[in-house]
Amino acid sequence: MSHDTNTIDSRTHEGELNKLGFWIFITAEFALFGTLFATLLT
């Protein structure tokens, strides 16, 4: 019982971690392109 709970718990935590990493990646991409466009336009 506790083993199943731990597995589900770690899976949920892993999913949250992947979601967080995805958003960090998207934010970094927008920041990078924003800086690039600002450099090209000025």
PDB file of N, CA and C in Angstrom:
ATOM      1  N   MET A   1       0.833  -1.197   0.000  1.00  0.00           N
ATOM      2  CA  MET A   1       0.000   0.000   0.000  1.00  0.00           C
ATOM      3  C   MET A   1       0.876   1.259   0.000  1.00  0.00           C
ATOM      4  N   SER A   2       1.798   1.306   0.937  1.00  0.00           N
ATOM      5  CA  SER A   2       2.637   2.498   1.035  1.00  0.00           C
ATOM      6  C   SER A   2       3.555   2.615  -0.192  1.00  0.00           C
ATOM      7  N   HIS A   3       3.934   1.465  -0.757  1.00  0.00           N
ATOM      8  CA  HIS A   3       4.794   1.488  -1.936  1.00  0.00           C
ATOM      9  C   HIS A   3       4.051   2.120  -3.115  1.00  0.00           C
ATOM     10  N   ASP A   4       2.777   1.752  -3.289  1.00  0.00           N
ATOM     11  CA  ASP A   4       1.971   2.331  -4.362  1.00  0.00           C
ATOM     12  C   ASP A   4       1.806   3.833  -4.160  1.00  0.00           C
ATOM     13  N   THR A   5       1.566   4.225  -2.915  1.00  0.00           N
ATOM     14  CA  THR A   5       1.395   5.643  -2.611  1.00  0.00           C
ATOM     15  C   THR A   5       2.670   6.414  -2.945  1.00  0.00           C
ATOM     16  N   ASN A   6       3.806   5.846  -2.602  1.00  0.00           N
ATOM     17  CA  ASN A   6       5.076   6.510  -2.890  1.00  0.00           C
ATOM     18  C   ASN A   6       5.298   6.645  -4.397  1.00  0.00           C
ATOM     19  N   THR A   7       4.907   5.608  -5.142  1.00  0.00           N
ATOM     20  CA  THR A   7       5.077   5.647  -6.593  1.00  0.00           C
ATOM     21  C   THR A   7       4.214   6.743  -7.203  1.00  0.00           C
ATOM     22  N   ILE A   8       2.961   6.813  -6.785  1.00  0.00           N
ATOM     23  CA  ILE A   8       2.048   7.841  -7.289  1.00  0.00           C
ATOM     24  C   ILE A   8       2.558   9.225  -6.886  1.00  0.00           C
ATOM     25  N   ASP A   9       3.040   9.326  -5.652  1.00  0.00           N
ATOM     26  CA  ASP A   9       3.538  10.598  -5.152  1.00  0.00           C
ATOM     27  C   ASP A   9       4.719  11.094  -5.983  1.00  0.00           C
ATOM     28  N   SER A  10       5.674  10.205  -6.237  1.00  0.00           N
ATOM     29  CA  SER A  10       6.861  10.593  -6.989  1.00  0.00           C
ATOM     30  C   SER A  10       6.492  10.915  -8.441  1.00  0.00           C
ATOM     31  N   ARG A  11       5.520  10.200  -8.994  1.00  0.00           N
ATOM     32  CA  ARG A  11       5.099  10.449 -10.370  1.00  0.00           C
ATOM     33  C   ARG A  11       4.478  11.838 -10.488  1.00  0.00           C
ATOM     34  N   THR A  12       3.638  12.191  -9.502  1.00  0.00           N
ATOM     35  CA  THR A  12       3.014  13.516  -9.505  1.00  0.00           C
ATOM     36  C   THR A  12       4.078  14.595  -9.365  1.00  0.00           C
ATOM     37  N   HIS A  13       5.020  14.373  -8.469  1.00  0.00           N
ATOM     38  CA  HIS A  13       6.099  15.346  -8.254  1.00  0.00           C
ATOM     39  C   HIS A  13       6.927  15.503  -9.526  1.00  0.00           C
ATOM     40  N   GLU A  14       7.178  14.397 -10.208  1.00  0.00           N
ATOM     41  CA  GLU A  14       7.959  14.430 -11.442  1.00  0.00           C
ATOM     42  C   GLU A  14       7.210  15.212 -12.520  1.00  0.00           C
ATOM     43  N   GLY A  15       5.894  15.016 -12.576  1.00  0.00           N
ATOM     44  CA  GLY A  15       5.080  15.739 -13.541  1.00  0.00           C
ATOM     45  C   GLY A  15       5.115  17.235 -13.288  1.00  0.00           C
ATOM     46  N   GLU A  16       5.033  17.620 -12.021  1.00  0.00           N
ATOM     47  CA  GLU A  16       5.101  19.041 -11.662  1.00  0.00           C
ATOM     48  C   GLU A  16       6.464  19.611 -12.035  1.00  0.00           C
ATOM     49  N   LEU A  17       7.513  18.831 -11.814  1.00  0.00           N
ATOM     50  CA  LEU A  17       8.869  19.267 -12.118  1.00  0.00           C
ATOM     51  C   LEU A  17       9.031  19.476 -13.625  1.00  0.00           C
ATOM     52  N   ASN A  18       8.485  18.552 -14.421  1.00  0.00           N
ATOM     53  CA  ASN A  18       8.559  18.688 -15.874  1.00  0.00           C
ATOM     54  C   ASN A  18       7.797  19.916 -16.348  1.00  0.00           C
ATOM     55  N   LYS A  19       6.617  20.160 -15.739  1.00  0.00           N
ATOM     56  CA  LYS A  19       5.813  21.322 -16.100  1.00  0.00           C
ATOM     57  C   LYS A  19       6.573  22.606 -15.784  1.00  0.00           C
ATOM     58  N   LEU A  20       7.222  22.621 -14.611  1.00  0.00           N
ATOM     59  CA  LEU A  20       7.996  23.789 -14.197  1.00  0.00           C
ATOM     60  C   LEU A  20       9.159  24.022 -15.154  1.00  0.00           C
ATOM     61  N   GLY A  21       9.863  22.957 -15.497  1.00  0.00           N
ATOM     62  CA  GLY A  21      10.981  23.070 -16.423  1.00  0.00           C
ATOM     63  C   GLY A  21      10.528  23.557 -17.791  1.00  0.00           C
ATOM     64  N   PHE A  22       9.346  23.101 -18.235  1.00  0.00           N
ATOM     65  CA  PHE A  22       8.789  23.522 -19.516  1.00  0.00           C
ATOM     66  C   PHE A  22       8.537  25.021 -19.530  1.00  0.00           C
ATOM     67  N   TRP A  23       7.934  25.536 -18.455  1.00  0.00           N
ATOM     68  CA  TRP A  23       7.637  26.975 -18.387  1.00  0.00           C
ATOM     69  C   TRP A  23       8.911  27.798 -18.302  1.00  0.00           C
ATOM     70  N   ILE A  24       9.911  27.279 -17.575  1.00  0.00           N
ATOM     71  CA  ILE A  24      11.196  27.986 -17.493  1.00  0.00           C
ATOM     72  C   ILE A  24      11.834  28.054 -18.878  1.00  0.00           C
ATOM     73  N   PHE A  25      11.734  26.960 -19.634  1.00  0.00           N
ATOM     74  CA  PHE A  25      12.288  26.908 -20.982  1.00  0.00           C
ATOM     75  C   PHE A  25      11.586  27.916 -21.896  1.00  0.00           C
ATOM     76  N   ILE A  26      10.247  27.954 -21.840  1.00  0.00           N
ATOM     77  CA  ILE A  26       9.473  28.886 -22.659  1.00  0.00           C
ATOM     78  C   ILE A  26       9.828  30.329 -22.311  1.00  0.00           C
ATOM     79  N   THR A  27       9.913  30.620 -21.011  1.00  0.00           N
ATOM     80  CA  THR A  27      10.255  31.977 -20.570  1.00  0.00           C
ATOM     81  C   THR A  27      11.647  32.367 -21.054  1.00  0.00           C
ATOM     82  N   ALA A  28      12.586  31.433 -20.974  1.00  0.00           N
ATOM     83  CA  ALA A  28      13.950  31.703 -21.422  1.00  0.00           C
ATOM     84  C   ALA A  28      13.980  31.966 -22.930  1.00  0.00           C
ATOM     85  N   GLU A  29      13.207  31.206 -23.685  1.00  0.00           N
ATOM     86  CA  GLU A  29      13.138  31.399 -25.131  1.00  0.00           C
ATOM     87  C   GLU A  29      12.597  32.787 -25.470  1.00  0.00           C
ATOM     88  N   PHE A  30      11.504  33.188 -24.797  1.00  0.00           N
ATOM     89  CA  PHE A  30      10.929  34.514 -25.045  1.00  0.00           C
ATOM     90  C   PHE A  30      11.924  35.614 -24.676  1.00  0.00           C
ATOM     91  N   ALA A  31      12.624  35.435 -23.557  1.00  0.00           N
ATOM     92  CA  ALA A  31      13.608  36.431 -23.127  1.00  0.00           C
ATOM     93  C   ALA A  31      14.742  36.528 -24.148  1.00  0.00           C
ATOM     94  N   LEU A  32      15.182  35.376 -24.642  1.00  0.00           N
ATOM     95  CA  LEU A  32      16.273  35.339 -25.610  1.00  0.00           C
ATOM     96  C   LEU A  32      15.873  36.033 -26.913  1.00  0.00           C
ATOM     97  N   PHE A  33      14.711  35.675 -27.449  1.00  0.00           N
ATOM     98  CA  PHE A  33      14.253  36.287 -28.692  1.00  0.00           C
ATOM     99  C   PHE A  33      13.942  37.766 -28.507  1.00  0.00           C
ATOM    100  N   GLY A  34      13.398  38.126 -27.337  1.00  0.00           N
ATOM    101  CA  GLY A  34      13.114  39.535 -27.048  1.00  0.00           C
ATOM    102  C   GLY A  34      14.388  40.356 -27.063  1.00  0.00           C
ATOM    103  N   THR A  35      15.430  39.826 -26.447  1.00  0.00           N
ATOM    104  CA  THR A  35      16.725  40.514 -26.431  1.00  0.00           C
ATOM    105  C   THR A  35      17.295  40.606 -27.843  1.00  0.00           C
ATOM    106  N   LEU A  36      17.154  39.538 -28.604  1.00  0.00           N
ATOM    107  CA  LEU A  36      17.672  39.504 -29.970  1.00  0.00           C
ATOM    108  C   LEU A  36      16.972  40.540 -30.846  1.00  0.00           C
ATOM    109  N   PHE A  37      15.636  40.589 -30.773  1.00  0.00           N
ATOM    110  CA  PHE A  37      14.883  41.561 -31.561  1.00  0.00           C
ATOM    111  C   PHE A  37      15.204  42.987 -31.134  1.00  0.00           C
ATOM    112  N   ALA A  38      15.347  43.215 -29.833  1.00  0.00           N
ATOM    113  CA  ALA A  38      15.688  44.549 -29.336  1.00  0.00           C
ATOM    114  C   ALA A  38      17.054  44.982 -29.870  1.00  0.00           C
ATOM    115  N   THR A  39      17.986  44.037 -29.935  1.00  0.00           N
ATOM    116  CA  THR A  39      19.324  44.337 -30.448  1.00  0.00           C
ATOM    117  C   THR A  39      19.271  44.653 -31.941  1.00  0.00           C
ATOM    118  N   LEU A  40      18.459  43.923 -32.685  1.00  0.00           N
ATOM    119  CA  LEU A  40      18.366  44.134 -34.129  1.00  0.00           C
ATOM    120  C   LEU A  40      17.641  45.430 -34.471  1.00  0.00           C
ATOM    121  N   LEU A  41      16.640  45.799 -33.680  1.00  0.00           N
ATOM    122  CA  LEU A  41      15.830  46.977 -33.987  1.00  0.00           C
ATOM    123  C   LEU A  41      16.515  48.281 -33.596  1.00  0.00           C
ATOM    124  N   THR A  42      17.428  48.235 -32.653  1.00  0.00           N
ATOM    125  CA  THR A  42      18.058  49.483 -32.210  1.00  0.00           C
ATOM    126  C   THR A  42      19.377  49.718 -32.917  1.00  0.00           C
TER     127      THR A  42
END
